[in-house]
Amino acid sequence: IRAMGAQIVAIMPETQEYTQQLKSGSGAPFPILTDLDNGY
């Protein structure tokens, strides 16, 4: 994905404590964003 100049961004309704858990557990090099209360 990076080689073609594209990007990933993940969004989920959890607080940063848990977005951090998913990021570290998966080794995701892209941002995992908090959509609190599912506003977006």
Full PDB file with SEQRES, HELIX, SHEET, SSBOND, CRYST1, ORIGX, SCALE, CONECT and MASTER records, all heavy atoms in Angstrom:
SEQRES   1 A   40  ILE ARG ALA MET GLY ALA GLN ILE VAL ALA ILE MET PRO          
SEQRES   2 A   40  GLU THR GLN GLU TYR THR GLN GLN LEU LYS SER GLY SER          
SEQRES   3 A   40  GLY ALA PRO PHE PRO ILE LEU THR ASP LEU ASP ASN GLY          
SEQRES   4 A   40  TYR                                                          
HELIX    1 AA1 GLN A   16  SER A   26  1                                  11    
HELIX    2 AA2 LEU A   36  ASN A   38  5                                   3    
SHEET    1 AA1 2 ALA A  10  MET A  12  0                                        
SHEET    2 AA1 2 ILE A  32  THR A  34  1                                        
CRYST1    1.000    1.000    1.000  90.00  90.00  90.00 P 1           1          
ORIGX1      1.000000  0.000000  0.000000        0.00000                         
ORIGX2      0.000000  1.000000  0.000000        0.00000                         
ORIGX3      0.000000  0.000000  1.000000        0.00000                         
SCALE1      1.000000  0.000000  0.000000        0.00000                         
SCALE2      0.000000  1.000000  0.000000        0.00000                         
SCALE3      0.000000  0.000000  1.000000        0.00000                         
ATOM      1  N   ILE A   1       0.841  -1.205   0.000  1.00  0.00           N  
ATOM      2  CA  ILE A   1       0.000   0.000   0.000  1.00  0.00           C  
ATOM      3  C   ILE A   1       0.874   1.252   0.000  1.00  0.00           C  
ATOM      4  O   ILE A   1       0.650   2.192  -0.773  1.00  0.00           O  
ATOM      5  CB  ILE A   1      -0.938  -0.029   1.224  1.00  0.00           C  
ATOM      6  CG1 ILE A   1      -1.987  -1.138   1.045  1.00  0.00           C  
ATOM      7  CG2 ILE A   1      -1.614   1.330   1.440  1.00  0.00           C  
ATOM      8  CD1 ILE A   1      -2.774  -1.473   2.287  1.00  0.00           C  
ATOM      9  N   ARG A   2       1.900   1.260   0.822  1.00  0.00           N  
ATOM     10  CA  ARG A   2       2.795   2.422   0.868  1.00  0.00           C  
ATOM     11  C   ARG A   2       3.559   2.593  -0.440  1.00  0.00           C  
ATOM     12  O   ARG A   2       3.818   3.714  -0.885  1.00  0.00           O  
ATOM     13  CB  ARG A   2       3.776   2.286   2.031  1.00  0.00           C  
ATOM     14  CG  ARG A   2       3.171   2.647   3.376  1.00  0.00           C  
ATOM     15  CD  ARG A   2       4.216   2.716   4.469  1.00  0.00           C  
ATOM     16  NE  ARG A   2       3.604   3.062   5.736  1.00  0.00           N  
ATOM     17  CZ  ARG A   2       3.352   4.291   6.144  1.00  0.00           C  
ATOM     18  NH1 ARG A   2       3.632   5.321   5.356  1.00  0.00           N  
ATOM     19  NH2 ARG A   2       2.799   4.515   7.311  1.00  0.00           N  
ATOM     20  N   ALA A   3       3.930   1.460  -1.043  1.00  0.00           N  
ATOM     21  CA  ALA A   3       4.706   1.524  -2.285  1.00  0.00           C  
ATOM     22  C   ALA A   3       3.933   2.219  -3.400  1.00  0.00           C  
ATOM     23  O   ALA A   3       4.534   2.823  -4.290  1.00  0.00           O  
ATOM     24  CB  ALA A   3       5.114   0.117  -2.722  1.00  0.00           C  
ATOM     25  N   MET A   4       2.600   2.144  -3.356  1.00  0.00           N  
ATOM     26  CA  MET A   4       1.800   2.821  -4.391  1.00  0.00           C  
ATOM     27  C   MET A   4       1.413   4.247  -3.979  1.00  0.00           C  
ATOM     28  O   MET A   4       0.652   4.906  -4.668  1.00  0.00           O  
ATOM     29  CB  MET A   4       0.553   1.984  -4.733  1.00  0.00           C  
ATOM     30  CG  MET A   4      -0.381   1.748  -3.600  1.00  0.00           C  
ATOM     31  SD  MET A   4      -1.872   0.772  -4.073  1.00  0.00           S  
ATOM     32  CE  MET A   4      -1.244  -0.898  -4.162  1.00  0.00           C  
ATOM     33  N   GLY A   5       1.956   4.708  -2.849  1.00  0.00           N  
ATOM     34  CA  GLY A   5       1.692   6.076  -2.408  1.00  0.00           C  
ATOM     35  C   GLY A   5       0.351   6.252  -1.729  1.00  0.00           C  
ATOM     36  O   GLY A   5      -0.143   7.375  -1.606  1.00  0.00           O  
ATOM     37  N   ALA A   6      -0.245   5.156  -1.275  1.00  0.00           N  
ATOM     38  CA  ALA A   6      -1.551   5.211  -0.611  1.00  0.00           C  
ATOM     39  C   ALA A   6      -1.388   5.022   0.901  1.00  0.00           C  
ATOM     40  O   ALA A   6      -0.308   4.689   1.391  1.00  0.00           O  
ATOM     41  CB  ALA A   6      -2.478   4.149  -1.188  1.00  0.00           C  
ATOM     42  N   GLN A   7      -2.480   5.244   1.628  1.00  0.00           N  
ATOM     43  CA  GLN A   7      -2.445   5.202   3.091  1.00  0.00           C  
ATOM     44  C   GLN A   7      -3.690   4.509   3.626  1.00  0.00           C  
ATOM     45  O   GLN A   7      -4.722   4.450   2.953  1.00  0.00           O  
ATOM     46  CB  GLN A   7      -2.429   6.614   3.668  1.00  0.00           C  
ATOM     47  CG  GLN A   7      -1.387   7.548   3.103  1.00  0.00           C  
ATOM     48  CD  GLN A   7      -1.825   8.996   3.263  1.00  0.00           C  
ATOM     49  OE1 GLN A   7      -1.696   9.564   4.336  1.00  0.00           O  
ATOM     50  NE2 GLN A   7      -2.382   9.580   2.217  1.00  0.00           N  
ATOM     51  N   ILE A   8      -3.562   4.034   4.862  1.00  0.00           N  
ATOM     52  CA  ILE A   8      -4.684   3.457   5.598  1.00  0.00           C  
ATOM     53  C   ILE A   8      -4.923   4.309   6.837  1.00  0.00           C  
ATOM     54  O   ILE A   8      -3.973   4.777   7.477  1.00  0.00           O  
ATOM     55  CB  ILE A   8      -4.366   2.012   6.058  1.00  0.00           C  
ATOM     56  CG1 ILE A   8      -4.071   1.105   4.862  1.00  0.00           C  
ATOM     57  CG2 ILE A   8      -5.487   1.451   6.923  1.00  0.00           C  
ATOM     58  CD1 ILE A   8      -5.269   0.733   4.045  1.00  0.00           C  
ATOM     59  N   VAL A   9      -6.180   4.511   7.177  1.00  0.00           N  
ATOM     60  CA  VAL A   9      -6.520   5.069   8.481  1.00  0.00           C  
ATOM     61  C   VAL A   9      -7.693   4.254   9.032  1.00  0.00           C  
ATOM     62  O   VAL A   9      -8.658   3.965   8.311  1.00  0.00           O  
ATOM     63  CB  VAL A   9      -6.851   6.580   8.411  1.00  0.00           C  
ATOM     64  CG1 VAL A   9      -8.079   6.855   7.571  1.00  0.00           C  
ATOM     65  CG2 VAL A   9      -7.002   7.170   9.801  1.00  0.00           C  
ATOM     66  N   ALA A  10      -7.556   3.798  10.278  1.00  0.00           N  
ATOM     67  CA  ALA A  10      -8.591   2.988  10.922  1.00  0.00           C  
ATOM     68  C   ALA A  10      -9.357   3.853  11.918  1.00  0.00           C  
ATOM     69  O   ALA A  10      -8.775   4.733  12.566  1.00  0.00           O  
ATOM     70  CB  ALA A  10      -7.958   1.798  11.644  1.00  0.00           C  
ATOM     71  N   ILE A  11     -10.657   3.598  12.033  1.00  0.00           N  
ATOM     72  CA  ILE A  11     -11.521   4.362  12.931  1.00  0.00           C  
ATOM     73  C   ILE A  11     -12.359   3.380  13.741  1.00  0.00           C  
ATOM     74  O   ILE A  11     -12.933   2.439  13.184  1.00  0.00           O  
ATOM     75  CB  ILE A  11     -12.458   5.308  12.145  1.00  0.00           C  
ATOM     76  CG1 ILE A  11     -11.629   6.328  11.352  1.00  0.00           C  
ATOM     77  CG2 ILE A  11     -13.434   6.022  13.081  1.00  0.00           C  
ATOM     78  CD1 ILE A  11     -12.464   7.249  10.469  1.00  0.00           C  
ATOM     79  N   MET A  12     -12.423   3.590  15.070  1.00  0.00           N  
ATOM     80  CA  MET A  12     -13.302   2.762  15.895  1.00  0.00           C  
ATOM     81  C   MET A  12     -13.783   3.563  17.097  1.00  0.00           C  
ATOM     82  O   MET A  12     -13.215   4.611  17.421  1.00  0.00           O  
ATOM     83  CB  MET A  12     -12.613   1.462  16.297  1.00  0.00           C  
ATOM     84  CG  MET A  12     -11.334   1.595  17.079  1.00  0.00           C  
ATOM     85  SD  MET A  12     -10.529  -0.029  17.181  1.00  0.00           S  
ATOM     86  CE  MET A  12      -9.797   0.067  18.817  1.00  0.00           C  
ATOM     87  N   PRO A  13     -14.848   3.108  17.761  1.00  0.00           N  
ATOM     88  CA  PRO A  13     -15.486   3.938  18.784  1.00  0.00           C  
ATOM     89  C   PRO A  13     -14.880   3.799  20.177  1.00  0.00           C  
ATOM     90  O   PRO A  13     -15.507   4.187  21.153  1.00  0.00           O  
ATOM     91  CB  PRO A  13     -16.941   3.435  18.771  1.00  0.00           C  
ATOM     92  CG  PRO A  13     -16.827   2.000  18.403  1.00  0.00           C  
ATOM     93  CD  PRO A  13     -15.670   1.920  17.456  1.00  0.00           C  
ATOM     94  N   GLU A  14     -13.672   3.262  20.281  1.00  0.00           N  
ATOM     95  CA  GLU A  14     -13.086   3.011  21.591  1.00  0.00           C  
ATOM     96  C   GLU A  14     -12.144   4.129  22.013  1.00  0.00           C  
ATOM     97  O   GLU A  14     -11.594   4.852  21.174  1.00  0.00           O  
ATOM     98  CB  GLU A  14     -12.342   1.677  21.573  1.00  0.00           C  
ATOM     99  CG  GLU A  14     -13.258   0.510  21.287  1.00  0.00           C  
ATOM    100  CD  GLU A  14     -12.589  -0.835  21.460  1.00  0.00           C  
ATOM    101  OE1 GLU A  14     -11.378  -0.954  21.190  1.00  0.00           O  
ATOM    102  OE2 GLU A  14     -13.286  -1.772  21.848  1.00  0.00           O  
ATOM    103  N   THR A  15     -11.941   4.250  23.307  1.00  0.00           N  
ATOM    104  CA  THR A  15     -11.041   5.271  23.842  1.00  0.00           C  
ATOM    105  C   THR A  15      -9.597   4.903  23.495  1.00  0.00           C  
ATOM    106  O   THR A  15      -9.295   3.770  23.102  1.00  0.00           O  
ATOM    107  CB  THR A  15     -11.194   5.405  25.364  1.00  0.00           C  
ATOM    108  OG1 THR A  15     -10.802   4.165  25.979  1.00  0.00           O  
ATOM    109  CG2 THR A  15     -12.636   5.732  25.745  1.00  0.00           C  
ATOM    110  N   GLN A  16      -8.698   5.871  23.691  1.00  0.00           N  
ATOM    111  CA  GLN A  16      -7.320   5.693  23.233  1.00  0.00           C  
ATOM    112  C   GLN A  16      -6.605   4.541  23.939  1.00  0.00           C  
ATOM    113  O   GLN A  16      -5.714   3.913  23.359  1.00  0.00           O  
ATOM    114  CB  GLN A  16      -6.551   6.997  23.409  1.00  0.00           C  
ATOM    115  CG  GLN A  16      -6.916   7.998  22.332  1.00  0.00           C  
ATOM    116  CD  GLN A  16      -6.686   9.430  22.722  1.00  0.00           C  
ATOM    117  OE1 GLN A  16      -5.821   9.718  23.528  1.00  0.00           O  
ATOM    118  NE2 GLN A  16      -7.479  10.324  22.154  1.00  0.00           N  
ATOM    119  N   GLU A  17      -7.006   4.216  25.144  1.00  0.00           N  
ATOM    120  CA  GLU A  17      -6.404   3.068  25.826  1.00  0.00           C  
ATOM    121  C   GLU A  17      -6.537   1.806  24.969  1.00  0.00           C  
ATOM    122  O   GLU A  17      -5.607   0.985  24.893  1.00  0.00           O  
ATOM    123  CB  GLU A  17      -7.094   2.847  27.177  1.00  0.00           C  
ATOM    124  CG  GLU A  17      -6.598   1.629  27.935  1.00  0.00           C  
ATOM    125  CD  GLU A  17      -7.337   1.387  29.235  1.00  0.00           C  
ATOM    126  OE1 GLU A  17      -8.166   2.251  29.640  1.00  0.00           O  
ATOM    127  OE2 GLU A  17      -7.104   0.329  29.838  1.00  0.00           O  
ATOM    128  N   TYR A  18      -7.670   1.671  24.299  1.00  0.00           N  
ATOM    129  CA  TYR A  18      -7.944   0.452  23.534  1.00  0.00           C  
ATOM    130  C   TYR A  18      -7.504   0.563  22.082  1.00  0.00           C  
ATOM    131  O   TYR A  18      -7.156  -0.444  21.464  1.00  0.00           O  
ATOM    132  CB  TYR A  18      -9.425   0.078  23.668  1.00  0.00           C  
ATOM    133  CG  TYR A  18      -9.764  -0.151  25.120  1.00  0.00           C  
ATOM    134  CD1 TYR A  18     -10.454   0.806  25.855  1.00  0.00           C  
ATOM    135  CD2 TYR A  18      -9.310  -1.279  25.773  1.00  0.00           C  
ATOM    136  CE1 TYR A  18     -10.709   0.622  27.212  1.00  0.00           C  
ATOM    137  CE2 TYR A  18      -9.555  -1.477  27.121  1.00  0.00           C  
ATOM    138  CZ  TYR A  18     -10.252  -0.529  27.832  1.00  0.00           C  
ATOM    139  OH  TYR A  18     -10.474  -0.705  29.163  1.00  0.00           O  
ATOM    140  N   THR A  19      -7.495   1.787  21.510  1.00  0.00           N  
ATOM    141  CA  THR A  19      -6.897   1.925  20.177  1.00  0.00           C  
ATOM    142  C   THR A  19      -5.402   1.632  20.267  1.00  0.00           C  
ATOM    143  O   THR A  19      -4.828   1.028  19.360  1.00  0.00           O  
ATOM    144  CB  THR A  19      -7.142   3.319  19.564  1.00  0.00           C  
ATOM    145  OG1 THR A  19      -6.626   4.334  20.422  1.00  0.00           O  
ATOM    146  CG2 THR A  19      -8.616   3.558  19.308  1.00  0.00           C  
ATOM    147  N   GLN A  20      -4.793   2.021  21.387  1.00  0.00           N  
ATOM    148  CA  GLN A  20      -3.369   1.704  21.603  1.00  0.00           C  
ATOM    149  C   GLN A  20      -3.169   0.195  21.679  1.00  0.00           C  
ATOM    150  O   GLN A  20      -2.197  -0.339  21.139  1.00  0.00           O  
ATOM    151  CB  GLN A  20      -2.871   2.360  22.889  1.00  0.00           C  
ATOM    152  CG  GLN A  20      -2.604   3.841  22.773  1.00  0.00           C  
ATOM    153  CD  GLN A  20      -2.268   4.475  24.122  1.00  0.00           C  
ATOM    154  OE1 GLN A  20      -2.416   3.863  25.171  1.00  0.00           O  
ATOM    155  NE2 GLN A  20      -1.812   5.717  24.081  1.00  0.00           N  
ATOM    156  N   GLN A  21      -4.082  -0.489  22.368  1.00  0.00           N  
ATOM    157  CA  GLN A  21      -3.969  -1.948  22.485  1.00  0.00           C  
ATOM    158  C   GLN A  21      -4.020  -2.617  21.117  1.00  0.00           C  
ATOM    159  O   GLN A  21      -3.228  -3.516  20.817  1.00  0.00           O  
ATOM    160  CB  GLN A  21      -5.091  -2.508  23.369  1.00  0.00           C  
ATOM    161  CG  GLN A  21      -4.832  -2.391  24.850  1.00  0.00           C  
ATOM    162  CD  GLN A  21      -5.847  -3.197  25.662  1.00  0.00           C  
ATOM    163  OE1 GLN A  21      -6.375  -4.206  25.195  1.00  0.00           O  
ATOM    164  NE2 GLN A  21      -6.133  -2.735  26.859  1.00  0.00           N  
ATOM    165  N   LEU A  22      -4.980  -2.187  20.276  1.00  0.00           N  
ATOM    166  CA  LEU A  22      -5.102  -2.791  18.948  1.00  0.00           C  
ATOM    167  C   LEU A  22      -3.879  -2.465  18.104  1.00  0.00           C  
ATOM    168  O   LEU A  22      -3.366  -3.329  17.378  1.00  0.00           O  
ATOM    169  CB  LEU A  22      -6.379  -2.306  18.253  1.00  0.00           C  
ATOM    170  CG  LEU A  22      -6.673  -2.948  16.893  1.00  0.00           C  
ATOM    171  CD1 LEU A  22      -6.796  -4.464  17.004  1.00  0.00           C  
ATOM    172  CD2 LEU A  22      -7.940  -2.367  16.280  1.00  0.00           C  
ATOM    173  N   LYS A  23      -3.394  -1.246  18.209  1.00  0.00           N  
ATOM    174  CA  LYS A  23      -2.227  -0.842  17.415  1.00  0.00           C  
ATOM    175  C   LYS A  23      -0.995  -1.651  17.804  1.00  0.00           C  
ATOM    176  O   LYS A  23      -0.299  -2.184  16.949  1.00  0.00           O  
ATOM    177  CB  LYS A  23      -1.959   0.657  17.602  1.00  0.00           C  
ATOM    178  CG  LYS A  23      -0.892   1.196  16.639  1.00  0.00           C  
ATOM    179  CD  LYS A  23      -0.740   2.683  16.782  1.00  0.00           C  
ATOM    180  CE  LYS A  23       0.409   3.208  15.925  1.00  0.00           C  
ATOM    181  NZ  LYS A  23       0.026   3.442  14.530  1.00  0.00           N  
ATOM    182  N   SER A  24      -0.745  -1.782  19.100  1.00  0.00           N  
ATOM    183  CA  SER A  24       0.441  -2.521  19.526  1.00  0.00           C  
ATOM    184  C   SER A  24       0.278  -4.013  19.274  1.00  0.00           C  
ATOM    185  O   SER A  24       1.224  -4.696  18.867  1.00  0.00           O  
ATOM    186  CB  SER A  24       0.741  -2.252  21.006  1.00  0.00           C  
ATOM    187  OG  SER A  24      -0.340  -2.669  21.816  1.00  0.00           O  
ATOM    188  N   GLY A  25      -0.934  -4.534  19.459  1.00  0.00           N  
ATOM    189  CA  GLY A  25      -1.174  -5.956  19.249  1.00  0.00           C  
ATOM    190  C   GLY A  25      -1.062  -6.377  17.801  1.00  0.00           C  
ATOM    191  O   GLY A  25      -0.648  -7.500  17.488  1.00  0.00           O  
ATOM    192  N   SER A  26      -1.432  -5.469  16.884  1.00  0.00           N  
ATOM    193  CA  SER A  26      -1.427  -5.794  15.457  1.00  0.00           C  
ATOM    194  C   SER A  26      -0.159  -5.333  14.754  1.00  0.00           C  
ATOM    195  O   SER A  26       0.121  -5.760  13.639  1.00  0.00           O  
ATOM    196  CB  SER A  26      -2.628  -5.140  14.769  1.00  0.00           C  
ATOM    197  OG  SER A  26      -2.510  -3.721  14.820  1.00  0.00           O  
ATOM    198  N   GLY A  27       0.596  -4.444  15.411  1.00  0.00           N  
ATOM    199  CA  GLY A  27       1.762  -3.860  14.758  1.00  0.00           C  
ATOM    200  C   GLY A  27       1.389  -2.894  13.651  1.00  0.00           C  
ATOM    201  O   GLY A  27       2.177  -2.641  12.744  1.00  0.00           O  
ATOM    202  N   ALA A  28       0.186  -2.330  13.728  1.00  0.00           N  
ATOM    203  CA  ALA A  28      -0.285  -1.425  12.667  1.00  0.00           C  
ATOM    204  C   ALA A  28       0.604  -0.175  12.606  1.00  0.00           C  
ATOM    205  O   ALA A  28       0.767   0.515  13.618  1.00  0.00           O  
ATOM    206  CB  ALA A  28      -1.730  -1.014  12.926  1.00  0.00           C  
ATOM    207  N   PRO A  29       1.161   0.131  11.427  1.00  0.00           N  
ATOM    208  CA  PRO A  29       1.986   1.333  11.294  1.00  0.00           C  
ATOM    209  C   PRO A  29       1.171   2.574  10.952  1.00  0.00           C  
ATOM    210  O   PRO A  29       1.724   3.655  10.785  1.00  0.00           O  
ATOM    211  CB  PRO A  29       2.938   0.965  10.153  1.00  0.00           C  
ATOM    212  CG  PRO A  29       2.136   0.040   9.307  1.00  0.00           C  
ATOM    213  CD  PRO A  29       1.182  -0.693  10.215  1.00  0.00           C  
ATOM    214  N   PHE A  30      -0.146   2.401  10.820  1.00  0.00           N  
ATOM    215  CA  PHE A  30      -1.011   3.524  10.448  1.00  0.00           C  
ATOM    216  C   PHE A  30      -1.835   3.956  11.666  1.00  0.00           C  
ATOM    217  O   PHE A  30      -1.973   3.208  12.645  1.00  0.00           O  
ATOM    218  CB  PHE A  30      -1.925   3.134   9.281  1.00  0.00           C  
ATOM    219  CG  PHE A  30      -2.554   1.777   9.415  1.00  0.00           C  
ATOM    220  CD1 PHE A  30      -3.672   1.571  10.210  1.00  0.00           C  
ATOM    221  CD2 PHE A  30      -2.018   0.685   8.742  1.00  0.00           C  
ATOM    222  CE1 PHE A  30      -4.250   0.318  10.339  1.00  0.00           C  
ATOM    223  CE2 PHE A  30      -2.585  -0.575   8.856  1.00  0.00           C  
ATOM    224  CZ  PHE A  30      -3.707  -0.759   9.657  1.00  0.00           C  
ATOM    225  N   PRO A  31      -2.413   5.169  11.628  1.00  0.00           N  
ATOM    226  CA  PRO A  31      -3.164   5.662  12.797  1.00  0.00           C  
ATOM    227  C   PRO A  31      -4.474   4.912  13.009  1.00  0.00           C  
ATOM    228  O   PRO A  31      -5.137   4.504  12.046  1.00  0.00           O  
ATOM    229  CB  PRO A  31      -3.425   7.141  12.464  1.00  0.00           C  
ATOM    230  CG  PRO A  31      -3.245   7.264  10.986  1.00  0.00           C  
ATOM    231  CD  PRO A  31      -2.301   6.187  10.565  1.00  0.00           C  
ATOM    232  N   ILE A  32      -4.816   4.708  14.270  1.00  0.00           N  
ATOM    233  CA  ILE A  32      -6.113   4.156  14.654  1.00  0.00           C  
ATOM    234  C   ILE A  32      -6.818   5.240  15.464  1.00  0.00           C  
ATOM    235  O   ILE A  32      -6.352   5.620  16.540  1.00  0.00           O  
ATOM    236  CB  ILE A  32      -5.975   2.858  15.468  1.00  0.00           C  
ATOM    237  CG1 ILE A  32      -5.190   1.809  14.653  1.00  0.00           C  
ATOM    238  CG2 ILE A  32      -7.348   2.317  15.846  1.00  0.00           C  
ATOM    239  CD1 ILE A  32      -4.978   0.490  15.373  1.00  0.00           C  
ATOM    240  N   LEU A  33      -7.906   5.759  14.927  1.00  0.00           N  
ATOM    241  CA  LEU A  33      -8.555   6.947  15.473  1.00  0.00           C  
ATOM    242  C   LEU A  33      -9.746   6.578  16.343  1.00  0.00           C  
ATOM    243  O   LEU A  33     -10.430   5.583  16.100  1.00  0.00           O  
ATOM    244  CB  LEU A  33      -9.024   7.862  14.337  1.00  0.00           C  
ATOM    245  CG  LEU A  33      -7.992   8.186  13.252  1.00  0.00           C  
ATOM    246  CD1 LEU A  33      -8.579   9.164  12.245  1.00  0.00           C  
ATOM    247  CD2 LEU A  33      -6.703   8.737  13.855  1.00  0.00           C  
ATOM    248  N   THR A  34      -9.995   7.420  17.350  1.00  0.00           N  
ATOM    249  CA  THR A  34     -11.143   7.255  18.242  1.00  0.00           C  
ATOM    250  C   THR A  34     -12.302   8.107  17.746  1.00  0.00           C  
ATOM    251  O   THR A  34     -12.193   9.334  17.655  1.00  0.00           O  
ATOM    252  CB  THR A  34     -10.778   7.684  19.675  1.00  0.00           C  
ATOM    253  OG1 THR A  34      -9.826   6.764  20.210  1.00  0.00           O  
ATOM    254  CG2 THR A  34     -12.012   7.697  20.577  1.00  0.00           C  
ATOM    255  N   ASP A  35     -13.401   7.442  17.427  1.00  0.00           N  
ATOM    256  CA  ASP A  35     -14.648   8.125  17.044  1.00  0.00           C  
ATOM    257  C   ASP A  35     -15.590   8.007  18.246  1.00  0.00           C  
ATOM    258  O   ASP A  35     -16.489   7.172  18.258  1.00  0.00           O  
ATOM    259  CB  ASP A  35     -15.239   7.468  15.795  1.00  0.00           C  
ATOM    260  CG  ASP A  35     -16.501   8.154  15.288  1.00  0.00           C  
ATOM    261  OD1 ASP A  35     -16.702   9.339  15.621  1.00  0.00           O  
ATOM    262  OD2 ASP A  35     -17.278   7.495  14.572  1.00  0.00           O  
ATOM    263  N   LEU A  36     -15.339   8.840  19.247  1.00  0.00           N  
ATOM    264  CA  LEU A  36     -16.083   8.724  20.505  1.00  0.00           C  
ATOM    265  C   LEU A  36     -17.568   8.960  20.266  1.00  0.00           C  
ATOM    266  O   LEU A  36     -17.960   9.887  19.549  1.00  0.00           O  
ATOM    267  CB  LEU A  36     -15.543   9.734  21.525  1.00  0.00           C  
ATOM    268  CG  LEU A  36     -15.720   9.345  22.994  1.00  0.00           C  
ATOM    269  CD1 LEU A  36     -15.040   8.016  23.310  1.00  0.00           C  
ATOM    270  CD2 LEU A  36     -15.185  10.433  23.896  1.00  0.00           C  
ATOM    271  N   ASP A  37     -18.387   8.111  20.866  1.00  0.00           N  
ATOM    272  CA  ASP A  37     -19.844   8.155  20.706  1.00  0.00           C  
ATOM    273  C   ASP A  37     -20.278   7.942  19.248  1.00  0.00           C  
ATOM    274  O   ASP A  37     -21.409   8.271  18.876  1.00  0.00           O  
ATOM    275  CB  ASP A  37     -20.436   9.484  21.227  1.00  0.00           C  
ATOM    276  CG  ASP A  37     -20.140   9.706  22.703  1.00  0.00           C  
ATOM    277  OD1 ASP A  37     -20.004   8.706  23.440  1.00  0.00           O  
ATOM    278  OD2 ASP A  37     -20.042  10.874  23.118  1.00  0.00           O  
ATOM    279  N   ASN A  38     -19.369   7.419  18.415  1.00  0.00           N  
ATOM    280  CA  ASN A  38     -19.701   7.116  17.016  1.00  0.00           C  
ATOM    281  C   ASN A  38     -20.179   8.337  16.238  1.00  0.00           C  
ATOM    282  O   ASN A  38     -20.974   8.219  15.305  1.00  0.00           O  
ATOM    283  CB  ASN A  38     -20.771   6.013  16.940  1.00  0.00           C  
ATOM    284  CG  ASN A  38     -20.210   4.639  17.267  1.00  0.00           C  
ATOM    285  OD1 ASN A  38     -19.544   4.005  16.455  1.00  0.00           O  
ATOM    286  ND2 ASN A  38     -20.475   4.177  18.473  1.00  0.00           N  
ATOM    287  N   GLY A  39     -19.676   9.519  16.600  1.00  0.00           N  
ATOM    288  CA  GLY A  39     -20.145  10.739  15.946  1.00  0.00           C  
ATOM    289  C   GLY A  39     -19.931  10.741  14.441  1.00  0.00           C  
ATOM    290  O   GLY A  39     -20.842  11.071  13.671  1.00  0.00           O  
ATOM    291  N   TYR A  40     -18.724  10.356  14.011  1.00  0.00           N  
ATOM    292  CA  TYR A  40     -18.447  10.350  12.567  1.00  0.00           C  
ATOM    293  C   TYR A  40     -19.210   9.228  11.877  1.00  0.00           C  
ATOM    294  O   TYR A  40     -19.790   9.417  10.804  1.00  0.00           O  
ATOM    295  CB  TYR A  40     -16.941  10.237  12.319  1.00  0.00           C  
ATOM    296  CG  TYR A  40     -16.548  10.370  10.868  1.00  0.00           C  
ATOM    297  CD1 TYR A  40     -16.918  11.489  10.123  1.00  0.00           C  
ATOM    298  CD2 TYR A  40     -15.792   9.386  10.241  1.00  0.00           C  
ATOM    299  CE1 TYR A  40     -16.555  11.622   8.786  1.00  0.00           C  
ATOM    300  CE2 TYR A  40     -15.412   9.506   8.905  1.00  0.00           C  
ATOM    301  CZ  TYR A  40     -15.804  10.630   8.185  1.00  0.00           C  
ATOM    302  OH  TYR A  40     -15.445  10.757   6.857  1.00  0.00           O  
TER     303      TYR A  40                                                      
MASTER        0    0    0    2    2    0    0    6  302    1    0    4          
END                                                                             
